[in-house]
C-alpha atoms as a PDB file:
ATOM      1  CA  UNK A   1      76.843 123.235  90.414  1.00  0.00           C
ATOM      2  CA  UNK A   2      80.092 125.775  89.955  1.00  0.00           C
ATOM      3  CA  UNK A   3      83.515 124.047  90.917  1.00  0.00           C
ATOM      4  CA  UNK A   4      86.076 125.865  93.175  1.00  0.00           C
ATOM      5  CA  UNK A   5      88.833 123.322  92.210  1.00  0.00           C
ATOM      6  CA  UNK A   6      89.909 120.768  89.702  1.00  0.00           C
ATOM      7  CA  UNK A   7      89.619 118.466  92.820  1.00  0.00           C
ATOM      8  CA  UNK A   8      85.560 118.822  92.449  1.00  0.00           C
ATOM      9  CA  UNK A   9      85.791 116.737  89.130  1.00  0.00           C
ATOM     10  CA  UNK A  10      86.963 113.845  91.558  1.00  0.00           C
ATOM     11  CA  UNK A  11      83.365 113.694  92.244  1.00  0.00           C
ATOM     12  CA  UNK A  12      82.293 112.572  88.650  1.00  0.00           C
ATOM     13  CA  UNK A  13      84.858 109.645  88.926  1.00  0.00           C
ATOM     14  CA  UNK A  14      82.843 108.121  91.642  1.00  0.00           C
ATOM     15  CA  UNK A  15      79.306 108.966  89.514  1.00  0.00           C
ATOM     16  CA  UNK A  16      81.093 107.459  86.411  1.00  0.00           C
ATOM     17  CA  UNK A  17      83.212 104.964  88.487  1.00  0.00           C
ATOM     18  CA  UNK A  18      82.520 101.799  85.789  1.00  0.00           C
ATOM     19  CA  UNK A  19      82.696 103.698  82.597  1.00  0.00           C
ATOM     20  CA  UNK A  20      85.916 103.909  80.520  1.00  0.00           C
ATOM     21  CA  UNK A  21      88.198 106.700  81.673  1.00  0.00           C
ATOM     22  CA  UNK A  22      91.484 106.160  79.401  1.00  0.00           C
ATOM     23  CA  UNK A  23      92.249 103.951  76.808  1.00  0.00           C
ATOM     24  CA  UNK A  24      95.921 103.268  76.118  1.00  0.00           C
ATOM     25  CA  UNK A  25      98.530 101.203  74.068  1.00  0.00           C
ATOM     26  CA  UNK A  26     100.518  99.133  76.311  1.00  0.00           C
ATOM     27  CA  UNK A  27     103.147  97.295  73.717  1.00  0.00           C
ATOM     28  CA  UNK A  28     100.488  95.337  71.432  1.00  0.00           C
ATOM     29  CA  UNK A  29      97.568  95.674  73.579  1.00  0.00           C
ATOM     30  CA  UNK A  30      95.162  98.226  74.705  1.00  0.00           C
ATOM     31  CA  UNK A  31      94.887  98.863  78.335  1.00  0.00           C
ATOM     32  CA  UNK A  32      91.496 100.413  79.398  1.00  0.00           C
ATOM     33  CA  UNK A  33      91.013 102.341  82.703  1.00  0.00           C
ATOM     34  CA  UNK A  34      87.569 103.110  84.646  1.00  0.00           C
ATOM     35  CA  UNK A  35      86.993 106.172  86.515  1.00  0.00           C
ATOM     36  CA  UNK A  36      87.006 104.065  89.374  1.00  0.00           C
ATOM     37  CA  UNK A  37      90.568 102.567  88.626  1.00  0.00           C
ATOM     38  CA  UNK A  38      92.098 106.226  88.228  1.00  0.00           C
ATOM     39  CA  UNK A  39      90.211 107.641  91.226  1.00  0.00           C
ATOM     40  CA  UNK A  40      91.851 104.771  93.186  1.00  0.00           C
ATOM     41  CA  UNK A  41      95.214 105.052  91.936  1.00  0.00           C
ATOM     42  CA  UNK A  42      95.243 108.540  92.737  1.00  0.00           C
ATOM     43  CA  UNK A  43      94.179 108.022  96.339  1.00  0.00           C
ATOM     44  CA  UNK A  44      96.891 105.557  96.600  1.00  0.00           C
ATOM     45  CA  UNK A  45      99.587 107.568  94.723  1.00  0.00           C
ATOM     46  CA  UNK A  46      98.630 110.568  97.241  1.00  0.00           C
ATOM     47  CA  UNK A  47      99.421 108.266  99.780  1.00  0.00           C
ATOM     48  CA  UNK A  48     102.722 107.337  98.516  1.00  0.00           C
ATOM     49  CA  UNK A  49     103.762 110.748  98.416  1.00  0.00           C
ATOM     50  CA  UNK A  50     102.447 111.257 102.063  1.00  0.00           C
ATOM     51  CA  UNK A  51     104.595 108.304 103.022  1.00  0.00           C
ATOM     52  CA  UNK A  52     107.764 109.964 101.078  1.00  0.00           C
ATOM     53  CA  UNK A  53     107.108 113.152 102.956  1.00  0.00           C
ATOM     54  CA  UNK A  54     106.267 115.180  99.745  1.00  0.00           C
ATOM     55  CA  UNK A  55     104.133 117.848 101.287  1.00  0.00           C
ATOM     56  CA  UNK A  56     101.582 120.658  99.919  1.00  0.00           C
ATOM     57  CA  UNK A  57     103.323 123.146  97.506  1.00  0.00           C
ATOM     58  CA  UNK A  58     106.039 120.837  96.731  1.00  0.00           C
ATOM     59  CA  UNK A  59     106.617 119.699  93.221  1.00  0.00           C
ATOM     60  CA  UNK A  60     106.510 116.298  91.470  1.00  0.00           C
ATOM     61  CA  UNK A  61     107.605 115.831  87.912  1.00  0.00           C
ATOM     62  CA  UNK A  62     105.700 113.700  85.619  1.00  0.00           C
ATOM     63  CA  UNK A  63     107.225 112.742  82.600  1.00  0.00           C
ATOM     64  CA  UNK A  64     106.551 109.884  80.165  1.00  0.00           C
ATOM     65  CA  UNK A  65     104.149 108.850  77.750  1.00  0.00           C
ATOM     66  CA  UNK A  66     100.378 109.418  77.895  1.00  0.00           C
ATOM     67  CA  UNK A  67      98.747 106.614  80.031  1.00  0.00           C
ATOM     68  CA  UNK A  68      96.524 105.989  82.784  1.00  0.00           C
ATOM     69  CA  UNK A  69      99.234 106.012  85.574  1.00  0.00           C
ATOM     70  CA  UNK A  70     100.074 109.456  84.249  1.00  0.00           C
ATOM     71  CA  UNK A  71      96.549 110.541  84.586  1.00  0.00           C
ATOM     72  CA  UNK A  72      96.223 108.962  88.414  1.00  0.00           C
ATOM     73  CA  UNK A  73      99.555 110.360  89.273  1.00  0.00           C
ATOM     74  CA  UNK A  74      98.506 113.812  88.279  1.00  0.00           C
ATOM     75  CA  UNK A  75      95.242 113.175  90.337  1.00  0.00           C
ATOM     76  CA  UNK A  76      97.349 111.834  93.217  1.00  0.00           C
ATOM     77  CA  UNK A  77      99.593 114.419  93.002  1.00  0.00           C
ATOM     78  CA  UNK A  78      96.788 117.381  93.369  1.00  0.00           C
ATOM     79  CA  UNK A  79      95.170 115.408  96.221  1.00  0.00           C
ATOM     80  CA  UNK A  80      98.037 115.661  98.065  1.00  0.00           C
ATOM     81  CA  UNK A  81      98.556 119.527  97.740  1.00  0.00           C
ATOM     82  CA  UNK A  82     101.815 119.153  95.756  1.00  0.00           C
ATOM     83  CA  UNK A  83     102.424 120.732  92.307  1.00  0.00           C
ATOM     84  CA  UNK A  84     102.146 118.767  89.000  1.00  0.00           C
ATOM     85  CA  UNK A  85     105.149 119.723  87.001  1.00  0.00           C
ATOM     86  CA  UNK A  86     104.167 117.871  83.644  1.00  0.00           C
ATOM     87  CA  UNK A  87     106.576 117.307  80.846  1.00  0.00           C
ATOM     88  CA  UNK A  88     106.404 115.943  77.234  1.00  0.00           C
ATOM     89  CA  UNK A  89     107.792 112.961  76.776  1.00  0.00           C
ATOM     90  CA  UNK A  90     110.076 113.874  73.747  1.00  0.00           C
ATOM     91  CA  UNK A  91     111.780 116.780  75.819  1.00  0.00           C
ATOM     92  CA  UNK A  92     115.488 115.172  76.181  1.00  0.00           C
ATOM     93  CA  UNK A  93     116.947 114.274  79.373  1.00  0.00           C
ATOM     94  CA  UNK A  94     118.934 117.358  79.855  1.00  0.00           C
ATOM     95  CA  UNK A  95     116.088 119.519  79.648  1.00  0.00           C
ATOM     96  CA  UNK A  96     114.052 117.253  81.925  1.00  0.00           C
ATOM     97  CA  UNK A  97     117.132 117.479  84.554  1.00  0.00           C
ATOM     98  CA  UNK A  98     117.048 121.208  84.046  1.00  0.00           C
ATOM     99  CA  UNK A  99     113.485 121.547  85.023  1.00  0.00           C
ATOM    100  CA  UNK A 100     113.796 119.234  87.859  1.00  0.00           C
ATOM    101  CA  UNK A 101     116.447 121.149  89.287  1.00  0.00           C
ATOM    102  CA  UNK A 102     114.668 124.351  88.792  1.00  0.00           C
ATOM    103  CA  UNK A 103     111.276 123.234  90.068  1.00  0.00           C
ATOM    104  CA  UNK A 104     113.006 121.645  93.023  1.00  0.00           C
ATOM    105  CA  UNK A 105     111.177 118.718  91.996  1.00  0.00           C
ATOM    106  CA  UNK A 106     110.825 115.916  95.476  1.00  0.00           C
ATOM    107  CA  UNK A 107     109.853 113.174  92.927  1.00  0.00           C
ATOM    108  CA  UNK A 108     110.063 112.313  89.270  1.00  0.00           C
ATOM    109  CA  UNK A 109     107.444 110.123  87.717  1.00  0.00           C
ATOM    110  CA  UNK A 110     108.466 108.806  84.497  1.00  0.00           C
ATOM    111  CA  UNK A 111     108.485 105.979  81.842  1.00  0.00           C
ATOM    112  CA  UNK A 112     111.199 103.316  82.552  1.00  0.00           C
ATOM    113  CA  UNK A 113     113.167 104.698  79.627  1.00  0.00           C
ATOM    114  CA  UNK A 114     113.230 107.832  80.579  1.00  0.00           C
ATOM    115  CA  UNK A 115     116.254 108.839  83.359  1.00  0.00           C
ATOM    116  CA  UNK A 116     117.564 111.798  84.406  1.00  0.00           C
ATOM    117  CA  UNK A 117     121.131 112.370  83.921  1.00  0.00           C
ATOM    118  CA  UNK A 118     123.167 112.512  87.138  1.00  0.00           C
ATOM    119  CA  UNK A 119     120.008 113.456  89.047  1.00  0.00           C
ATOM    120  CA  UNK A 120     119.762 112.153  92.283  1.00  0.00           C
ATOM    121  CA  UNK A 121     115.747 112.795  92.757  1.00  0.00           C
ATOM    122  CA  UNK A 122     113.773 109.509  93.942  1.00  0.00           C
ATOM    123  CA  UNK A 123     112.063 108.325  91.214  1.00  0.00           C
ATOM    124  CA  UNK A 124     108.892 105.738  90.416  1.00  0.00           C
ATOM    125  CA  UNK A 125     108.106 104.262  87.064  1.00  0.00           C
ATOM    126  CA  UNK A 126     104.680 104.711  85.194  1.00  0.00           C
ATOM    127  CA  UNK A 127     105.032 100.927  84.006  1.00  0.00           C
ATOM    128  CA  UNK A 128     105.171  99.817  87.765  1.00  0.00           C
ATOM    129  CA  UNK A 129     103.374 102.544  89.842  1.00  0.00           C
ATOM    130  CA  UNK A 130     100.289 100.348  90.473  1.00  0.00           C
ATOM    131  CA  UNK A 131     102.564  97.654  92.336  1.00  0.00           C
ATOM    132  CA  UNK A 132     104.582 100.011  93.931  1.00  0.00           C
ATOM    133  CA  UNK A 133     101.630 101.910  95.415  1.00  0.00           C
ATOM    134  CA  UNK A 134      99.325  98.981  95.856  1.00  0.00           C
ATOM    135  CA  UNK A 135      99.806  98.915  99.715  1.00  0.00           C
ATOM    136  CA  UNK A 136      98.135 101.818 100.304  1.00  0.00           C
ATOM    137  CA  UNK A 137      94.414 102.277 100.973  1.00  0.00           C
ATOM    138  CA  UNK A 138      92.466 103.171  97.777  1.00  0.00           C
ATOM    139  CA  UNK A 139      89.012 103.837  99.672  1.00  0.00           C
ATOM    140  CA  UNK A 140      89.468 107.748 100.461  1.00  0.00           C
ATOM    141  CA  UNK A 141      92.131 110.642 100.874  1.00  0.00           C
ATOM    142  CA  UNK A 142      91.333 113.859 102.422  1.00  0.00           C
ATOM    143  CA  UNK A 143      91.381 116.909  99.835  1.00  0.00           C
ATOM    144  CA  UNK A 144      93.408 119.752 100.809  1.00  0.00           C
ATOM    145  CA  UNK A 145      91.767 122.889 101.361  1.00  0.00           C
END
């Protein structure tokens, strides 16, 4: 079946729910996330964006190490209808601040050690993303048109 948007891939996340979607290092350990975990966290993140007033077409900057939380924030941003502004972890804080300013980012989601200099944009950190959004329902979130 031809897909109309990236969000059509989320159907596969339901289908392969228990399979491993992401493996990444967290300190000395490896963290494994299933497709179900990524999907549920993405739904919760979309609700967090809604609660913060981030709307369709607004920008969310993702800046940090490759991790399951990055992937979930990516999908959650798309579910909300917002625009992902991805940055490589190795870019300088000054460059990231310039991109955030030029893009008009409404939220910065980054690794804890990455901080935008002199920026007042609201921020979340990948390391505590799950605990920050745990209050939101993980079962469903309507896809934008």
